[in-house]
Amino acid sequence: MKLIFAAAITATALSTSFAFAESHSENPMVGGAPMLESRNIVENALNSADHTTLVAAVQAAGLVETLQGEGPFTVFAPTNAAFDALPDGTVETLLMPENLAQLQTVLTCHVVATNALWGDINTMISDDGGSHTVTTVGGCEFEATMTDGVIQIIDGQGRAANVTIADVKQSNGVIHVIDSVLLPAM
C-alpha cells in the first residue's frame, strides 16, 4: 500500500523549529509527474508514482483532510522504495486498524508545522553548529544535518534519511522527498 504523511493536529497549535526563506522558482518533477505549486500536498502526492505507499498510509490513518488543510506544512515524504526497505510486514502491520495510533504517530513524525525550504534548513543547521533539532507534529525530535550538500534527517533510532528532492512547493507548504522512513525513538 502507498502513503503520504499528515498531521493529526493543526499547524497553529504547534511551535515550529523552522523559519521562512526563499528557494528556486520551479518545482521539480516527482515520481514522473509535475508538481504544481497551486495544488496542496495531497493533490500532488496522488500524482507521484513514487509515493503510492505514503498516500495509502495517510488515507488509512485518516489524515488526508489535515494535509489538505491550510498549513503551512513541511513534509518529509518517503518514497515507495523507502517503505520497501523496512523489515518485512512492517507496513502491513502499521495499516491494521488496531495499530491506527502507531500509524498516525509514524506519519505525523514526517510533518513539521511550517514552510521550511532547503535554504532555511541549511541555515539552521549552520547556525546551530552542524546539527539542528527538528520537532515534528507527531512529537518526534529528529536532527537535521548536512553531508556533502545533502540534508539528512536522523530519526529517533539513529537512522539517516537523505533529502533526494528538495523544495517541492505546495499551496499549503513544501515537500522534501526522502529515501528512508523516519521512525520515532523506541
N, C-alpha and C. Protein backbone atom coordinates (compact mmCIF):
# COMPACT_ATOMS: atom_id res chain seq x y z
N MET A 1 0.84 -1.18 0.00
CA MET A 1 0.00 0.00 0.00
C MET A 1 0.89 1.24 0.00
N LYS A 2 0.33 2.38 -0.34
CA LYS A 2 1.12 3.58 -0.51
C LYS A 2 0.63 4.73 0.37
N LEU A 3 1.52 5.67 0.79
CA LEU A 3 1.22 6.68 1.80
C LEU A 3 1.65 8.11 1.48
N ILE A 4 1.15 9.10 2.21
CA ILE A 4 1.65 10.47 2.29
C ILE A 4 1.42 10.99 3.70
N PHE A 5 2.41 11.47 4.37
CA PHE A 5 2.34 11.80 5.77
C PHE A 5 1.53 13.04 6.04
N ALA A 6 0.81 12.99 7.15
CA ALA A 6 -0.06 14.09 7.50
C ALA A 6 0.03 14.39 8.97
N ALA A 7 -0.53 15.51 9.35
CA ALA A 7 -0.53 15.91 10.75
C ALA A 7 -1.88 15.66 11.36
N ALA A 8 -1.90 15.10 12.55
CA ALA A 8 -3.15 14.82 13.24
C ALA A 8 -3.63 16.03 14.01
N ILE A 9 -2.80 17.02 14.13
CA ILE A 9 -3.20 18.23 14.81
C ILE A 9 -2.89 19.41 13.91
N THR A 10 -3.51 20.53 14.16
CA THR A 10 -3.34 21.66 13.26
C THR A 10 -2.01 22.35 13.47
N ALA A 11 -1.54 22.99 12.42
CA ALA A 11 -0.25 23.66 12.47
C ALA A 11 -0.27 24.82 13.45
N THR A 12 -1.39 25.45 13.65
CA THR A 12 -1.43 26.60 14.54
C THR A 12 -1.28 26.21 16.00
N ALA A 13 -1.49 24.96 16.34
CA ALA A 13 -1.38 24.51 17.72
C ALA A 13 0.05 24.15 18.10
N LEU A 14 0.98 24.27 17.15
CA LEU A 14 2.33 23.80 17.39
C LEU A 14 3.35 24.91 17.30
N SER A 15 4.42 24.77 18.05
CA SER A 15 5.56 25.65 17.85
C SER A 15 6.40 25.06 16.74
N THR A 16 7.20 25.88 16.10
CA THR A 16 7.94 25.41 14.95
C THR A 16 9.44 25.52 15.15
N SER A 17 10.16 24.65 14.49
CA SER A 17 11.62 24.67 14.55
C SER A 17 12.22 25.37 13.35
N PHE A 18 11.41 25.66 12.35
CA PHE A 18 11.93 26.20 11.10
C PHE A 18 11.52 27.65 10.89
N ALA A 19 12.32 28.40 10.18
CA ALA A 19 12.00 29.76 9.76
C ALA A 19 11.60 29.75 8.29
N PHE A 20 11.33 30.91 7.74
CA PHE A 20 10.92 31.00 6.34
C PHE A 20 12.05 31.57 5.50
N ALA A 21 12.08 31.21 4.22
CA ALA A 21 13.06 31.75 3.28
C ALA A 21 12.60 31.47 1.86
N GLU A 22 13.38 31.94 0.90
CA GLU A 22 13.04 31.72 -0.49
C GLU A 22 13.86 30.58 -1.06
N SER A 23 13.39 30.02 -2.17
CA SER A 23 14.05 28.90 -2.82
C SER A 23 13.98 29.10 -4.32
N HIS A 24 14.41 28.09 -5.07
CA HIS A 24 14.35 28.22 -6.52
C HIS A 24 12.90 28.29 -6.98
N SER A 25 12.67 28.80 -8.20
CA SER A 25 11.32 29.18 -8.61
C SER A 25 10.50 28.06 -9.25
N GLU A 26 11.10 27.04 -9.81
CA GLU A 26 10.32 26.00 -10.47
C GLU A 26 10.33 24.71 -9.68
N ASN A 27 9.17 24.07 -9.61
CA ASN A 27 9.08 22.80 -8.92
C ASN A 27 9.71 21.68 -9.73
N PRO A 28 10.40 20.78 -9.06
CA PRO A 28 10.93 19.60 -9.75
C PRO A 28 9.81 18.59 -10.01
N MET A 29 10.04 17.69 -10.93
CA MET A 29 9.13 16.57 -11.15
C MET A 29 9.36 15.57 -10.01
N VAL A 30 8.29 14.89 -9.61
CA VAL A 30 8.40 13.86 -8.57
C VAL A 30 7.59 12.65 -9.01
N GLY A 31 8.21 11.49 -9.00
CA GLY A 31 7.51 10.27 -9.39
C GLY A 31 6.97 10.33 -10.81
N GLY A 32 7.69 11.02 -11.69
CA GLY A 32 7.30 11.12 -13.09
C GLY A 32 6.17 12.09 -13.37
N ALA A 33 5.80 12.89 -12.37
CA ALA A 33 4.67 13.81 -12.55
C ALA A 33 5.08 15.23 -12.17
N PRO A 34 4.50 16.20 -12.87
CA PRO A 34 4.75 17.59 -12.47
C PRO A 34 4.08 17.86 -11.12
N MET A 35 4.74 18.62 -10.30
CA MET A 35 4.20 19.03 -9.01
C MET A 35 3.80 20.50 -9.13
N LEU A 36 2.52 20.77 -9.05
CA LEU A 36 2.01 22.12 -9.26
C LEU A 36 1.91 22.86 -7.93
N GLU A 37 2.52 24.02 -7.88
CA GLU A 37 2.52 24.83 -6.66
C GLU A 37 1.12 25.26 -6.26
N SER A 38 0.19 25.26 -7.21
CA SER A 38 -1.19 25.65 -6.92
C SER A 38 -2.00 24.53 -6.27
N ARG A 39 -1.43 23.32 -6.19
CA ARG A 39 -2.11 22.18 -5.57
C ARG A 39 -1.58 21.95 -4.16
N ASN A 40 -2.42 21.31 -3.33
CA ASN A 40 -1.98 21.03 -1.98
C ASN A 40 -1.16 19.73 -1.92
N ILE A 41 -0.65 19.43 -0.76
CA ILE A 41 0.23 18.28 -0.56
C ILE A 41 -0.41 16.97 -1.03
N VAL A 42 -1.65 16.75 -0.67
CA VAL A 42 -2.33 15.51 -1.04
C VAL A 42 -2.57 15.45 -2.55
N GLU A 43 -3.03 16.53 -3.15
CA GLU A 43 -3.30 16.54 -4.59
C GLU A 43 -2.05 16.21 -5.38
N ASN A 44 -0.92 16.78 -5.01
CA ASN A 44 0.33 16.49 -5.72
C ASN A 44 0.82 15.07 -5.45
N ALA A 45 0.73 14.63 -4.20
CA ALA A 45 1.21 13.29 -3.85
C ALA A 45 0.46 12.20 -4.61
N LEU A 46 -0.82 12.43 -4.83
CA LEU A 46 -1.63 11.45 -5.58
C LEU A 46 -1.09 11.23 -6.99
N ASN A 47 -0.39 12.20 -7.54
CA ASN A 47 0.15 12.09 -8.90
C ASN A 47 1.53 11.46 -8.97
N SER A 48 2.19 11.30 -7.83
CA SER A 48 3.56 10.77 -7.82
C SER A 48 3.54 9.25 -7.78
N ALA A 49 4.08 8.63 -8.80
CA ALA A 49 4.18 7.17 -8.83
C ALA A 49 5.13 6.65 -7.74
N ASP A 50 5.98 7.52 -7.20
CA ASP A 50 6.93 7.12 -6.16
C ASP A 50 6.37 7.21 -4.75
N HIS A 51 5.12 7.67 -4.60
CA HIS A 51 4.57 7.89 -3.25
C HIS A 51 3.22 7.21 -3.03
N THR A 52 2.97 6.12 -3.73
CA THR A 52 1.68 5.44 -3.57
C THR A 52 1.53 4.79 -2.20
N THR A 53 2.61 4.30 -1.62
CA THR A 53 2.54 3.71 -0.27
C THR A 53 2.24 4.80 0.75
N LEU A 54 2.90 5.93 0.62
CA LEU A 54 2.66 7.06 1.52
C LEU A 54 1.21 7.52 1.45
N VAL A 55 0.69 7.65 0.24
CA VAL A 55 -0.71 8.08 0.07
C VAL A 55 -1.66 7.09 0.73
N ALA A 56 -1.44 5.81 0.54
CA ALA A 56 -2.30 4.79 1.14
C ALA A 56 -2.25 4.85 2.67
N ALA A 57 -1.09 5.08 3.22
CA ALA A 57 -0.95 5.15 4.68
C ALA A 57 -1.67 6.37 5.24
N VAL A 58 -1.53 7.50 4.56
CA VAL A 58 -2.21 8.72 5.01
C VAL A 58 -3.72 8.51 4.98
N GLN A 59 -4.20 7.85 3.93
CA GLN A 59 -5.63 7.56 3.85
C GLN A 59 -6.06 6.63 4.97
N ALA A 60 -5.30 5.57 5.22
CA ALA A 60 -5.63 4.61 6.27
C ALA A 60 -5.61 5.25 7.65
N ALA A 61 -4.75 6.24 7.83
CA ALA A 61 -4.61 6.92 9.12
C ALA A 61 -5.66 8.01 9.31
N GLY A 62 -6.46 8.30 8.27
CA GLY A 62 -7.46 9.35 8.39
C GLY A 62 -6.87 10.74 8.44
N LEU A 63 -5.74 10.94 7.78
CA LEU A 63 -5.03 12.22 7.85
C LEU A 63 -5.11 13.04 6.56
N VAL A 64 -5.91 12.60 5.60
CA VAL A 64 -5.98 13.31 4.32
C VAL A 64 -6.46 14.75 4.50
N GLU A 65 -7.55 14.93 5.22
CA GLU A 65 -8.10 16.28 5.40
C GLU A 65 -7.10 17.21 6.06
N THR A 66 -6.35 16.69 7.00
CA THR A 66 -5.35 17.52 7.68
C THR A 66 -4.32 18.04 6.69
N LEU A 67 -3.80 17.16 5.83
CA LEU A 67 -2.78 17.57 4.87
C LEU A 67 -3.33 18.38 3.71
N GLN A 68 -4.64 18.39 3.57
CA GLN A 68 -5.27 19.26 2.59
C GLN A 68 -5.58 20.62 3.19
N GLY A 69 -5.37 20.75 4.50
CA GLY A 69 -5.67 21.99 5.21
C GLY A 69 -4.72 23.11 4.84
N GLU A 70 -4.96 24.24 5.46
CA GLU A 70 -4.24 25.46 5.14
C GLU A 70 -2.74 25.37 5.40
N GLY A 71 -2.35 24.66 6.44
CA GLY A 71 -0.93 24.57 6.75
C GLY A 71 -0.42 25.86 7.38
N PRO A 72 0.85 26.17 7.18
CA PRO A 72 1.79 25.50 6.29
C PRO A 72 2.39 24.25 6.92
N PHE A 73 2.76 23.32 6.04
CA PHE A 73 3.39 22.07 6.43
C PHE A 73 4.68 21.87 5.65
N THR A 74 5.66 21.30 6.31
CA THR A 74 6.83 20.75 5.64
C THR A 74 6.71 19.25 5.83
N VAL A 75 6.66 18.52 4.72
CA VAL A 75 6.52 17.07 4.76
C VAL A 75 7.78 16.43 4.22
N PHE A 76 8.38 15.56 5.03
CA PHE A 76 9.50 14.73 4.58
C PHE A 76 8.85 13.45 4.08
N ALA A 77 8.76 13.31 2.75
CA ALA A 77 7.95 12.27 2.12
C ALA A 77 8.79 11.09 1.64
N PRO A 78 8.71 9.96 2.36
CA PRO A 78 9.46 8.77 1.94
C PRO A 78 8.88 8.18 0.65
N THR A 79 9.76 7.66 -0.16
CA THR A 79 9.34 7.01 -1.41
C THR A 79 8.85 5.59 -1.13
N ASN A 80 8.26 4.99 -2.15
CA ASN A 80 7.85 3.58 -2.04
C ASN A 80 9.06 2.70 -1.69
N ALA A 81 10.21 3.00 -2.30
CA ALA A 81 11.41 2.21 -2.02
C ALA A 81 11.82 2.33 -0.55
N ALA A 82 11.59 3.50 0.05
CA ALA A 82 11.89 3.66 1.47
C ALA A 82 11.02 2.75 2.32
N PHE A 83 9.74 2.66 1.97
CA PHE A 83 8.84 1.75 2.70
C PHE A 83 9.22 0.30 2.46
N ASP A 84 9.61 -0.01 1.22
CA ASP A 84 10.01 -1.38 0.89
C ASP A 84 11.25 -1.82 1.68
N ALA A 85 12.08 -0.87 2.09
CA ALA A 85 13.30 -1.19 2.82
C ALA A 85 13.05 -1.50 4.30
N LEU A 86 11.84 -1.22 4.78
CA LEU A 86 11.51 -1.57 6.17
C LEU A 86 11.45 -3.10 6.30
N PRO A 87 11.62 -3.62 7.50
CA PRO A 87 11.53 -5.08 7.68
C PRO A 87 10.19 -5.62 7.15
N ASP A 88 10.22 -6.83 6.61
CA ASP A 88 9.02 -7.46 6.06
C ASP A 88 7.86 -7.40 7.06
N GLY A 89 6.71 -7.00 6.55
CA GLY A 89 5.49 -6.98 7.36
C GLY A 89 5.25 -5.68 8.11
N THR A 90 6.24 -4.77 8.14
CA THR A 90 6.09 -3.53 8.92
C THR A 90 4.94 -2.68 8.41
N VAL A 91 4.90 -2.43 7.11
CA VAL A 91 3.84 -1.58 6.56
C VAL A 91 2.48 -2.23 6.76
N GLU A 92 2.38 -3.51 6.47
CA GLU A 92 1.10 -4.22 6.64
C GLU A 92 0.63 -4.16 8.09
N THR A 93 1.55 -4.31 9.03
CA THR A 93 1.21 -4.25 10.46
C THR A 93 0.72 -2.86 10.84
N LEU A 94 1.42 -1.83 10.36
CA LEU A 94 1.00 -0.46 10.67
C LEU A 94 -0.38 -0.13 10.10
N LEU A 95 -0.74 -0.75 8.98
CA LEU A 95 -2.02 -0.45 8.34
C LEU A 95 -3.20 -1.19 8.95
N MET A 96 -2.94 -2.07 9.92
CA MET A 96 -4.03 -2.78 10.59
C MET A 96 -4.81 -1.80 11.47
N PRO A 97 -6.14 -1.91 11.48
CA PRO A 97 -6.96 -0.97 12.26
C PRO A 97 -6.54 -0.87 13.73
N GLU A 98 -6.12 -1.96 14.33
CA GLU A 98 -5.73 -1.92 15.74
C GLU A 98 -4.42 -1.16 15.98
N ASN A 99 -3.70 -0.81 14.90
CA ASN A 99 -2.45 -0.07 15.02
C ASN A 99 -2.57 1.37 14.52
N LEU A 100 -3.80 1.88 14.47
CA LEU A 100 -4.07 3.22 13.94
C LEU A 100 -3.24 4.29 14.65
N ALA A 101 -3.20 4.28 15.96
CA ALA A 101 -2.46 5.30 16.71
C ALA A 101 -0.98 5.27 16.37
N GLN A 102 -0.41 4.08 16.25
CA GLN A 102 1.00 3.95 15.91
C GLN A 102 1.25 4.47 14.49
N LEU A 103 0.37 4.14 13.55
CA LEU A 103 0.49 4.64 12.18
C LEU A 103 0.43 6.16 12.15
N GLN A 104 -0.51 6.74 12.88
CA GLN A 104 -0.63 8.19 12.92
C GLN A 104 0.64 8.83 13.49
N THR A 105 1.22 8.22 14.51
CA THR A 105 2.46 8.75 15.09
C THR A 105 3.59 8.71 14.07
N VAL A 106 3.76 7.58 13.41
CA VAL A 106 4.83 7.47 12.41
C VAL A 106 4.63 8.51 11.32
N LEU A 107 3.43 8.65 10.83
CA LEU A 107 3.17 9.60 9.74
C LEU A 107 3.37 11.05 10.19
N THR A 108 2.86 11.41 11.35
CA THR A 108 2.98 12.80 11.80
C THR A 108 4.40 13.15 12.20
N CYS A 109 5.24 12.14 12.39
CA CYS A 109 6.66 12.39 12.64
C CYS A 109 7.41 12.77 11.36
N HIS A 110 6.71 12.81 10.25
CA HIS A 110 7.28 13.26 8.97
C HIS A 110 6.83 14.67 8.63
N VAL A 111 6.09 15.31 9.54
CA VAL A 111 5.50 16.63 9.26
C VAL A 111 5.96 17.65 10.29
N VAL A 112 6.35 18.82 9.79
CA VAL A 112 6.69 19.95 10.63
C VAL A 112 5.71 21.07 10.30
N ALA A 113 5.26 21.77 11.31
CA ALA A 113 4.21 22.77 11.13
C ALA A 113 4.76 24.13 10.71
N THR A 114 5.37 24.16 9.54
CA THR A 114 5.88 25.39 8.95
C THR A 114 6.24 25.13 7.49
N ASN A 115 6.68 26.14 6.81
CA ASN A 115 7.10 26.03 5.42
C ASN A 115 8.61 26.21 5.38
N ALA A 116 9.37 25.14 5.50
CA ALA A 116 10.84 25.19 5.58
C ALA A 116 11.46 24.69 4.29
N LEU A 117 12.03 25.60 3.54
CA LEU A 117 12.71 25.25 2.30
C LEU A 117 14.15 24.82 2.59
N TRP A 118 14.81 24.25 1.57
CA TRP A 118 16.18 23.75 1.71
C TRP A 118 17.09 24.80 2.31
N GLY A 119 17.03 26.02 1.80
CA GLY A 119 17.88 27.10 2.30
C GLY A 119 17.63 27.41 3.76
N ASP A 120 16.38 27.35 4.20
CA ASP A 120 16.05 27.58 5.61
C ASP A 120 16.70 26.53 6.49
N ILE A 121 16.53 25.28 6.09
CA ILE A 121 17.07 24.16 6.87
C ILE A 121 18.60 24.24 6.90
N ASN A 122 19.19 24.52 5.77
CA ASN A 122 20.65 24.64 5.68
C ASN A 122 21.16 25.74 6.62
N THR A 123 20.47 26.87 6.64
CA THR A 123 20.87 27.98 7.52
C THR A 123 20.76 27.58 8.98
N MET A 124 19.68 26.88 9.35
CA MET A 124 19.51 26.47 10.74
C MET A 124 20.59 25.47 11.17
N ILE A 125 20.92 24.56 10.26
CA ILE A 125 21.99 23.59 10.55
C ILE A 125 23.30 24.34 10.79
N SER A 126 23.60 25.26 9.91
CA SER A 126 24.83 26.04 10.02
C SER A 126 24.85 26.88 11.29
N ASP A 127 23.74 27.59 11.55
CA ASP A 127 23.66 28.45 12.73
C ASP A 127 23.78 27.66 14.03
N ASP A 128 23.36 26.40 14.02
CA ASP A 128 23.40 25.56 15.22
C ASP A 128 24.66 24.69 15.29
N GLY A 129 25.66 25.03 14.49
CA GLY A 129 26.94 24.33 14.58
C GLY A 129 26.99 22.97 13.92
N GLY A 130 26.12 22.72 12.93
CA GLY A 130 26.18 21.49 12.16
C GLY A 130 25.05 20.52 12.40
N SER A 131 24.17 20.80 13.37
CA SER A 131 23.04 19.92 13.66
C SER A 131 21.90 20.74 14.23
N HIS A 132 20.71 20.60 13.65
CA HIS A 132 19.54 21.36 14.11
C HIS A 132 18.44 20.40 14.53
N THR A 133 17.88 20.60 15.72
CA THR A 133 16.80 19.76 16.20
C THR A 133 15.50 20.16 15.51
N VAL A 134 14.82 19.15 14.95
CA VAL A 134 13.55 19.35 14.26
C VAL A 134 12.46 18.69 15.11
N THR A 135 11.48 19.47 15.53
CA THR A 135 10.35 18.94 16.29
C THR A 135 9.16 18.79 15.35
N THR A 136 8.62 17.59 15.28
CA THR A 136 7.53 17.31 14.33
C THR A 136 6.17 17.40 15.00
N VAL A 137 5.13 17.40 14.18
CA VAL A 137 3.76 17.43 14.70
C VAL A 137 3.46 16.17 15.51
N GLY A 138 4.12 15.09 15.22
CA GLY A 138 3.92 13.86 15.96
C GLY A 138 4.68 13.80 17.27
N GLY A 139 5.40 14.88 17.61
CA GLY A 139 6.13 14.93 18.86
C GLY A 139 7.52 14.32 18.79
N CYS A 140 7.96 13.93 17.62
CA CYS A 140 9.32 13.39 17.46
C CYS A 140 10.32 14.53 17.40
N GLU A 141 11.51 14.27 17.92
CA GLU A 141 12.62 15.20 17.77
C GLU A 141 13.70 14.50 16.97
N PHE A 142 13.97 15.02 15.78
CA PHE A 142 14.98 14.48 14.90
C PHE A 142 16.08 15.52 14.74
N GLU A 143 17.22 15.10 14.23
CA GLU A 143 18.34 16.01 13.97
C GLU A 143 18.54 16.18 12.47
N ALA A 144 18.58 17.43 12.03
CA ALA A 144 18.90 17.74 10.63
C ALA A 144 20.38 18.07 10.56
N THR A 145 21.08 17.43 9.63
CA THR A 145 22.50 17.67 9.42
C THR A 145 22.73 17.83 7.92
N MET A 146 23.96 18.20 7.57
CA MET A 146 24.32 18.36 6.16
C MET A 146 25.59 17.56 5.90
N THR A 147 25.55 16.72 4.86
CA THR A 147 26.72 15.96 4.45
C THR A 147 26.89 16.11 2.95
N ASP A 148 28.01 16.68 2.54
CA ASP A 148 28.31 16.88 1.12
C ASP A 148 27.16 17.57 0.37
N GLY A 149 26.56 18.58 1.00
CA GLY A 149 25.49 19.34 0.37
C GLY A 149 24.12 18.68 0.41
N VAL A 150 24.01 17.53 1.08
CA VAL A 150 22.75 16.81 1.17
C VAL A 150 22.22 16.91 2.60
N ILE A 151 20.99 17.37 2.74
CA ILE A 151 20.38 17.41 4.06
C ILE A 151 20.01 15.99 4.46
N GLN A 152 20.36 15.64 5.70
CA GLN A 152 19.99 14.35 6.27
C GLN A 152 19.16 14.60 7.51
N ILE A 153 18.14 13.77 7.69
CA ILE A 153 17.33 13.80 8.90
C ILE A 153 17.65 12.50 9.65
N ILE A 154 18.15 12.64 10.87
CA ILE A 154 18.49 11.49 11.70
C ILE A 154 17.28 11.22 12.59
N ASP A 155 16.68 10.04 12.43
CA ASP A 155 15.44 9.74 13.15
C ASP A 155 15.69 9.31 14.59
N GLY A 156 14.64 8.96 15.29
CA GLY A 156 14.71 8.58 16.70
C GLY A 156 15.46 7.30 16.96
N GLN A 157 15.77 6.54 15.90
CA GLN A 157 16.51 5.30 16.05
C GLN A 157 17.94 5.43 15.51
N GLY A 158 18.33 6.68 15.19
CA GLY A 158 19.69 6.94 14.73
C GLY A 158 19.92 6.66 13.26
N ARG A 159 18.85 6.41 12.50
CA ARG A 159 18.98 6.14 11.07
C ARG A 159 18.88 7.45 10.29
N ALA A 160 19.65 7.56 9.19
CA ALA A 160 19.67 8.78 8.39
C ALA A 160 18.79 8.64 7.15
N ALA A 161 17.96 9.66 6.93
CA ALA A 161 17.18 9.77 5.70
C ALA A 161 17.75 10.96 4.92
N ASN A 162 18.10 10.74 3.67
CA ASN A 162 18.63 11.80 2.81
C ASN A 162 17.51 12.48 2.06
N VAL A 163 17.58 13.81 1.96
CA VAL A 163 16.65 14.54 1.12
C VAL A 163 17.15 14.38 -0.31
N THR A 164 16.36 13.67 -1.14
CA THR A 164 16.77 13.39 -2.52
C THR A 164 16.18 14.39 -3.51
N ILE A 165 15.05 14.97 -3.17
CA ILE A 165 14.44 16.05 -3.96
C ILE A 165 13.94 17.08 -2.96
N ALA A 166 14.49 18.29 -3.03
CA ALA A 166 14.12 19.34 -2.08
C ALA A 166 13.19 20.36 -2.72
N ASP A 167 12.49 21.08 -1.86
CA ASP A 167 11.72 22.26 -2.26
C ASP A 167 10.65 22.01 -3.31
N VAL A 168 9.83 21.00 -3.09
CA VAL A 168 8.67 20.76 -3.96
C VAL A 168 7.53 21.58 -3.35
N LYS A 169 7.36 22.78 -3.88
CA LYS A 169 6.42 23.74 -3.29
C LYS A 169 4.97 23.32 -3.52
N GLN A 170 4.16 23.54 -2.50
CA GLN A 170 2.74 23.20 -2.50
C GLN A 170 1.94 24.45 -2.12
N SER A 171 0.65 24.44 -2.35
CA SER A 171 -0.16 25.58 -1.94
C SER A 171 -0.22 25.72 -0.43
N ASN A 172 0.03 24.63 0.29
CA ASN A 172 -0.04 24.67 1.75
C ASN A 172 1.27 24.24 2.43
N GLY A 173 2.38 24.41 1.73
CA GLY A 173 3.67 24.09 2.32
C GLY A 173 4.69 23.62 1.31
N VAL A 174 5.51 22.66 1.73
CA VAL A 174 6.59 22.15 0.89
C VAL A 174 6.82 20.68 1.22
N ILE A 175 7.21 19.93 0.20
CA ILE A 175 7.59 18.53 0.37
C ILE A 175 9.08 18.40 0.06
N HIS A 176 9.76 17.60 0.89
CA HIS A 176 11.13 17.18 0.62
C HIS A 176 11.08 15.66 0.52
N VAL A 177 11.42 15.11 -0.63
CA VAL A 177 11.41 13.66 -0.82
C VAL A 177 12.61 13.08 -0.09
N ILE A 178 12.38 11.99 0.67
CA ILE A 178 13.47 11.34 1.41
C ILE A 178 13.55 9.86 1.05
N ASP A 179 14.72 9.27 1.32
CA ASP A 179 14.97 7.89 0.90
C ASP A 179 14.85 6.87 2.03
N SER A 180 14.30 7.27 3.17
CA SER A 180 14.12 6.36 4.29
C SER A 180 12.91 6.81 5.10
N VAL A 181 12.21 5.88 5.70
CA VAL A 181 11.09 6.20 6.57
C VAL A 181 11.65 6.63 7.92
N LEU A 182 11.18 7.77 8.43
CA LEU A 182 11.62 8.27 9.73
C LEU A 182 10.81 7.56 10.82
N LEU A 183 11.53 7.01 11.78
CA LEU A 183 10.88 6.29 12.87
C LEU A 183 11.14 6.98 14.20
N PRO A 184 10.12 7.00 15.07
CA PRO A 184 10.32 7.61 16.40
C PRO A 184 11.25 6.75 17.25
N ALA A 185 11.73 7.37 18.33
CA ALA A 185 12.55 6.61 19.29
C ALA A 185 11.70 5.52 19.90
N MET A 186 12.33 4.42 20.26
CA MET A 186 11.58 3.30 20.85
C MET A 186 11.32 3.55 22.30
